[in-house]
Amino acid sequence: MGVLDSFGLAGKKAVVTGATRGLGRAFAAALADAGADVAITTRDRSQADGVLADVEARGRQGLVVEGSVTDRADVERMTGEVLAAFGRIDVLVNNAGDCIHKPALDVPDAEFHQIIDANLFGVWLCSTVVARSMIEAGGGVIVNIGSISALIVNRPQWQPAYNASKAAVHQLTKSLAAEWALSGIRVNALAPGYVKTDMAPVDRPEFQQHWVQDPPMQRYASPEEIAPSVIYLASDASSFMTGSVLVVDGGYTVW
């Protein structure tokens, strides 16, 4: 196998959670570009048509499964639907998540639980349900989308629940990697910096100094710039890598 061939995903079957916009949509398209058939999860089927078209335009089979990543019955049903359509799941990208900007003393209990459920429990639930089929098939790859917010405290906005949830995702990644290594499952995390998405309003003036001007590269990323790192983690190019957190942040965390 040549070095570029090791990045290929021809014939692989992938699932991307929360793939209807932003990073998730870019991840789904990149996986299809690399040769994988791609299933996407969404809570709103009407928002998925564009992503499905992106995947199919690349000559790959696409599938939309509707449900919540924080509901066990939904996750088990969605996993069953993907297995029925694709036969197996080789790659799981846990991308679904949420963020609320509020100081700690202004965060109601319900909102704290909302963030932890979406960003951490959803990763736990999808990983543990899908891993059962991966173990039966002899292995697979799980890529968890973490954040530089697991490594630093963001400014000028406060988001303590989000930061805590992403730090937990990084540690969960290491725990699952250690536990499942001999079952042939690699588990890694990707920690992006600031990326222009609906969740990160990078163009707003009040965020420019700390989000854009402070990091060494003095810019934010596009989702398409982050997506190749998912291909690396999902492919044989990273075959000896598990339990790691890959930081892609324009140098933000070097200061």
Protein backbone atom coordinates (compact mmCIF):
# COMPACT_ATOMS: atom_id res chain seq x y z
CA MET A 1 0.00 0.00 0.00
CA GLY A 2 1.34 3.43 -0.95
CA VAL A 3 1.29 6.23 1.57
CA LEU A 4 -1.59 8.05 -0.12
CA ASP A 5 -3.55 4.80 -0.41
CA SER A 6 -3.45 4.47 3.36
CA PHE A 7 -5.76 7.48 3.62
CA GLY A 8 -8.42 5.84 1.45
CA LEU A 9 -11.74 4.57 2.82
CA ALA A 10 -13.00 2.70 -0.24
CA GLY A 11 -15.71 0.24 0.74
CA LYS A 12 -15.92 1.49 4.32
CA LYS A 13 -19.22 2.26 6.03
CA ALA A 14 -19.30 5.40 8.17
CA VAL A 15 -21.74 7.14 10.51
CA VAL A 16 -21.57 10.85 11.34
CA THR A 17 -23.80 12.18 14.11
CA GLY A 18 -25.17 15.70 13.89
CA ALA A 19 -24.19 15.95 10.24
CA THR A 20 -26.75 18.38 8.84
CA ARG A 21 -24.56 21.50 9.05
CA GLY A 22 -21.14 22.92 9.85
CA LEU A 23 -18.40 20.49 10.75
CA GLY A 24 -20.65 17.43 10.55
CA ARG A 25 -21.66 18.19 6.99
CA ALA A 26 -18.02 18.72 5.98
CA PHE A 27 -17.05 15.44 7.67
CA ALA A 28 -19.75 13.51 5.80
CA ALA A 29 -18.64 14.95 2.45
CA ALA A 30 -14.97 14.24 3.16
CA LEU A 31 -15.67 10.63 4.15
CA ALA A 32 -17.56 10.17 0.89
CA ASP A 33 -14.67 11.76 -1.03
CA ALA A 34 -12.36 9.22 0.59
CA GLY A 35 -14.59 6.37 -0.65
CA ALA A 36 -16.92 5.60 2.26
CA ASP A 37 -20.67 5.16 2.22
CA VAL A 38 -22.03 7.55 4.84
CA ALA A 39 -25.02 7.46 7.18
CA ILE A 40 -25.93 10.68 8.94
CA THR A 41 -28.00 11.12 12.06
CA THR A 42 -30.34 14.03 12.58
CA ARG A 43 -33.23 15.04 14.80
CA ASP A 44 -34.93 16.70 11.81
CA ARG A 45 -35.14 14.70 8.58
CA SER A 46 -36.03 17.81 6.58
CA GLN A 47 -32.57 19.28 7.23
CA ALA A 48 -30.70 16.27 5.88
CA ASP A 49 -31.46 16.42 2.15
CA GLY A 50 -28.51 18.66 1.32
CA VAL A 51 -26.03 16.44 3.14
CA LEU A 52 -27.44 13.34 1.49
CA ALA A 53 -27.03 15.04 -1.89
CA ASP A 54 -23.41 15.91 -1.01
CA VAL A 55 -22.64 12.27 -0.29
CA GLU A 56 -24.42 10.86 -3.33
CA ALA A 57 -22.84 13.46 -5.65
CA ARG A 58 -19.52 11.85 -4.76
CA GLY A 59 -20.74 8.49 -6.01
CA ARG A 60 -21.27 6.97 -2.59
CA GLN A 61 -24.35 5.56 -0.89
CA GLY A 62 -25.93 7.88 1.63
CA LEU A 63 -28.43 7.16 4.37
CA VAL A 64 -30.36 9.39 6.77
CA VAL A 65 -31.46 8.06 10.16
CA GLU A 66 -33.61 10.22 12.38
CA GLY A 67 -33.41 10.33 16.16
CA SER A 68 -31.63 11.71 19.20
CA VAL A 69 -28.11 10.64 20.18
CA THR A 70 -29.10 11.08 23.84
CA ASP A 71 -31.94 8.55 23.74
CA ARG A 72 -30.88 4.91 24.03
CA ALA A 73 -33.90 3.55 22.17
CA ASP A 74 -33.22 5.98 19.30
CA VAL A 75 -29.52 5.14 19.16
CA GLU A 76 -30.17 1.41 19.14
CA ARG A 77 -32.82 1.82 16.44
CA MET A 78 -30.62 4.10 14.31
CA THR A 79 -27.69 1.70 14.63
CA GLY A 80 -29.95 -1.15 13.55
CA GLU A 81 -31.11 0.83 10.52
CA VAL A 82 -27.52 1.52 9.45
CA LEU A 83 -26.51 -2.11 9.92
CA ALA A 84 -29.53 -3.25 7.91
CA ALA A 85 -28.62 -0.90 5.05
CA PHE A 86 -24.81 -1.13 5.11
CA GLY A 87 -24.14 -4.50 6.74
CA ARG A 88 -21.59 -3.09 9.18
CA ILE A 89 -20.20 0.14 10.65
CA ASP A 90 -16.47 0.68 10.16
CA VAL A 91 -16.25 4.33 11.25
CA LEU A 92 -18.25 6.31 13.80
CA VAL A 93 -17.74 10.07 14.01
CA ASN A 94 -19.33 11.45 17.18
CA ASN A 95 -19.90 15.04 16.11
CA ALA A 96 -23.32 16.01 17.53
CA GLY A 97 -23.11 18.64 20.25
CA ASP A 98 -24.36 21.89 21.72
CA CYS A 99 -22.99 25.01 23.42
CA ILE A 100 -24.38 27.75 25.65
CA HIS A 101 -22.45 30.93 26.49
CA LYS A 102 -23.22 31.93 30.07
CA PRO A 103 -21.28 32.63 33.28
CA ALA A 104 -21.40 29.73 35.72
CA LEU A 105 -23.72 31.44 38.18
CA ASP A 106 -26.25 32.11 35.41
CA VAL A 107 -26.46 28.51 34.15
CA PRO A 108 -29.67 26.75 35.27
CA ASP A 109 -29.40 23.07 36.14
CA ALA A 110 -31.47 22.15 33.09
CA GLU A 111 -29.06 23.88 30.72
CA PHE A 112 -26.03 22.25 32.35
CA HIS A 113 -27.61 18.83 31.91
CA GLN A 114 -28.55 19.73 28.32
CA ILE A 115 -24.91 20.37 27.43
CA ILE A 116 -23.56 17.33 29.24
CA ASP A 117 -26.20 15.12 27.62
CA ALA A 118 -25.55 16.39 24.09
CA ASN A 119 -21.75 16.55 24.26
CA LEU A 120 -20.81 13.70 26.58
CA PHE A 121 -23.66 11.26 27.14
CA GLY A 122 -24.39 11.21 23.40
CA VAL A 123 -20.77 10.24 22.70
CA TRP A 124 -20.94 7.55 25.40
CA LEU A 125 -24.23 6.17 24.15
CA CYS A 126 -23.36 6.07 20.44
CA SER A 127 -19.90 4.66 21.12
CA THR A 128 -21.04 1.86 23.40
CA VAL A 129 -23.95 0.84 21.17
CA VAL A 130 -21.96 0.89 17.92
CA ALA A 131 -18.91 -0.74 19.51
CA ARG A 132 -20.86 -3.96 20.04
CA SER A 133 -21.28 -4.40 16.30
CA MET A 134 -17.67 -3.37 15.67
CA ILE A 135 -16.40 -6.01 18.09
CA GLU A 136 -18.50 -8.66 16.35
CA ALA A 137 -17.08 -7.53 13.00
CA GLY A 138 -13.48 -7.61 14.22
CA GLY A 139 -12.87 -3.91 14.76
CA GLY A 140 -13.54 -0.35 13.70
CA VAL A 141 -12.67 3.27 14.30
CA ILE A 142 -14.35 5.87 16.51
CA VAL A 143 -13.53 9.56 16.12
CA ASN A 144 -14.87 11.83 18.86
CA ILE A 145 -15.07 15.54 18.17
CA GLY A 146 -13.61 17.26 21.20
CA SER A 147 -12.41 20.85 21.34
CA ILE A 148 -9.62 23.15 22.40
CA SER A 149 -12.17 24.13 25.06
CA ALA A 150 -11.09 20.93 26.82
CA LEU A 151 -7.58 22.37 27.08
CA ILE A 152 -8.09 26.09 27.76
CA VAL A 153 -10.75 28.43 29.12
CA ASN A 154 -12.29 30.36 26.24
CA ARG A 155 -12.59 34.12 26.29
CA PRO A 156 -14.25 36.59 26.25
CA GLN A 157 -17.37 34.40 26.55
CA TRP A 158 -17.91 32.06 29.49
CA GLN A 159 -19.03 28.50 28.72
CA PRO A 160 -18.14 26.32 31.72
CA ALA A 161 -20.55 23.48 30.95
CA TYR A 162 -19.27 23.15 27.39
CA ASN A 163 -15.63 23.23 28.51
CA ALA A 164 -16.25 20.54 31.11
CA SER A 165 -18.13 18.35 28.64
CA LYS A 166 -15.33 18.47 26.07
CA ALA A 167 -12.65 17.74 28.67
CA ALA A 168 -14.71 14.69 29.62
CA VAL A 169 -14.93 13.64 25.96
CA HIS A 170 -11.13 13.68 25.72
CA GLN A 171 -10.77 11.50 28.82
CA LEU A 172 -13.58 9.17 27.71
CA THR A 173 -11.73 8.79 24.41
CA LYS A 174 -8.62 7.59 26.24
CA SER A 175 -10.62 5.24 28.47
CA LEU A 176 -12.47 3.58 25.60
CA ALA A 177 -9.28 3.35 23.54
CA ALA A 178 -7.54 1.45 26.32
CA GLU A 179 -10.48 -0.85 26.93
CA TRP A 180 -11.23 -1.72 23.30
CA ALA A 181 -7.74 -1.83 21.76
CA LEU A 182 -7.50 -5.62 21.79
CA SER A 183 -10.96 -5.82 20.21
CA GLY A 184 -9.60 -4.03 17.16
CA ILE A 185 -11.31 -0.69 17.85
CA ARG A 186 -9.25 2.49 17.69
CA VAL A 187 -10.68 5.54 19.48
CA ASN A 188 -9.23 9.02 18.99
CA ALA A 189 -10.45 12.57 19.41
CA LEU A 190 -10.13 15.67 17.24
CA ALA A 191 -9.88 19.02 19.02
CA PRO A 192 -10.58 21.87 16.58
CA GLY A 193 -9.94 25.51 17.31
CA TYR A 194 -12.30 28.23 16.14
CA VAL A 195 -14.16 27.25 12.98
CA LYS A 196 -16.76 29.31 11.17
CA THR A 197 -20.04 27.51 11.88
CA ASP A 198 -23.47 28.38 13.22
CA MET A 199 -22.20 27.48 16.70
CA ALA A 200 -19.16 29.79 16.50
CA PRO A 201 -20.01 33.34 15.31
CA VAL A 202 -16.39 34.14 14.48
CA ASP A 203 -17.29 37.28 12.51
CA ARG A 204 -18.88 39.10 15.45
CA PRO A 205 -16.75 42.12 16.46
CA GLU A 206 -16.71 41.28 20.18
CA PHE A 207 -14.98 37.97 19.46
CA GLN A 208 -12.40 39.14 16.91
CA GLN A 209 -9.59 39.98 19.36
CA HIS A 210 -9.55 36.70 21.28
CA TRP A 211 -10.84 34.31 18.63
CA VAL A 212 -9.05 35.62 15.56
CA GLN A 213 -6.30 38.09 16.42
CA ASP A 214 -4.74 36.29 19.41
CA PRO A 215 -3.79 32.92 17.84
CA PRO A 216 -0.51 32.79 15.87
CA MET A 217 -2.18 32.29 12.47
CA GLN A 218 -4.59 35.16 13.18
CA ARG A 219 -7.56 33.57 11.46
CA TYR A 220 -10.29 31.00 11.93
CA ALA A 221 -10.78 27.78 9.96
CA SER A 222 -13.42 26.61 7.55
CA PRO A 223 -15.10 23.24 8.18
CA GLU A 224 -13.44 21.93 5.02
CA GLU A 225 -10.01 22.59 6.55
CA ILE A 226 -10.81 20.45 9.58
CA ALA A 227 -12.39 17.54 7.68
CA PRO A 228 -9.11 16.01 6.34
CA SER A 229 -8.02 15.37 9.93
CA VAL A 230 -11.09 13.16 10.38
CA ILE A 231 -10.03 11.19 7.30
CA TYR A 232 -6.58 10.70 8.83
CA LEU A 233 -8.05 9.44 12.10
CA ALA A 234 -10.61 7.23 10.36
CA SER A 235 -8.17 5.63 7.93
CA ASP A 236 -5.24 3.22 8.04
CA ALA A 237 -2.94 6.24 7.90
CA SER A 238 -3.37 6.38 11.69
CA SER A 239 -3.36 2.61 12.23
CA PHE A 240 -0.96 2.79 15.21
CA MET A 241 -2.81 5.67 16.86
CA THR A 242 -5.39 5.25 19.60
CA GLY A 243 -6.27 7.19 22.73
CA SER A 244 -4.86 10.39 21.26
CA VAL A 245 -6.26 13.90 20.92
CA LEU A 246 -5.33 15.62 17.66
CA VAL A 247 -5.36 19.40 18.08
CA VAL A 248 -6.03 21.45 14.94
CA ASP A 249 -6.32 25.05 16.05
CA GLY A 250 -4.12 27.40 14.05
CA GLY A 251 -1.73 27.50 16.99
CA TYR A 252 -4.31 28.82 19.46
CA THR A 253 -3.17 26.62 22.34
CA VAL A 254 0.57 27.27 21.97
CA TRP A 255 0.44 30.54 23.91
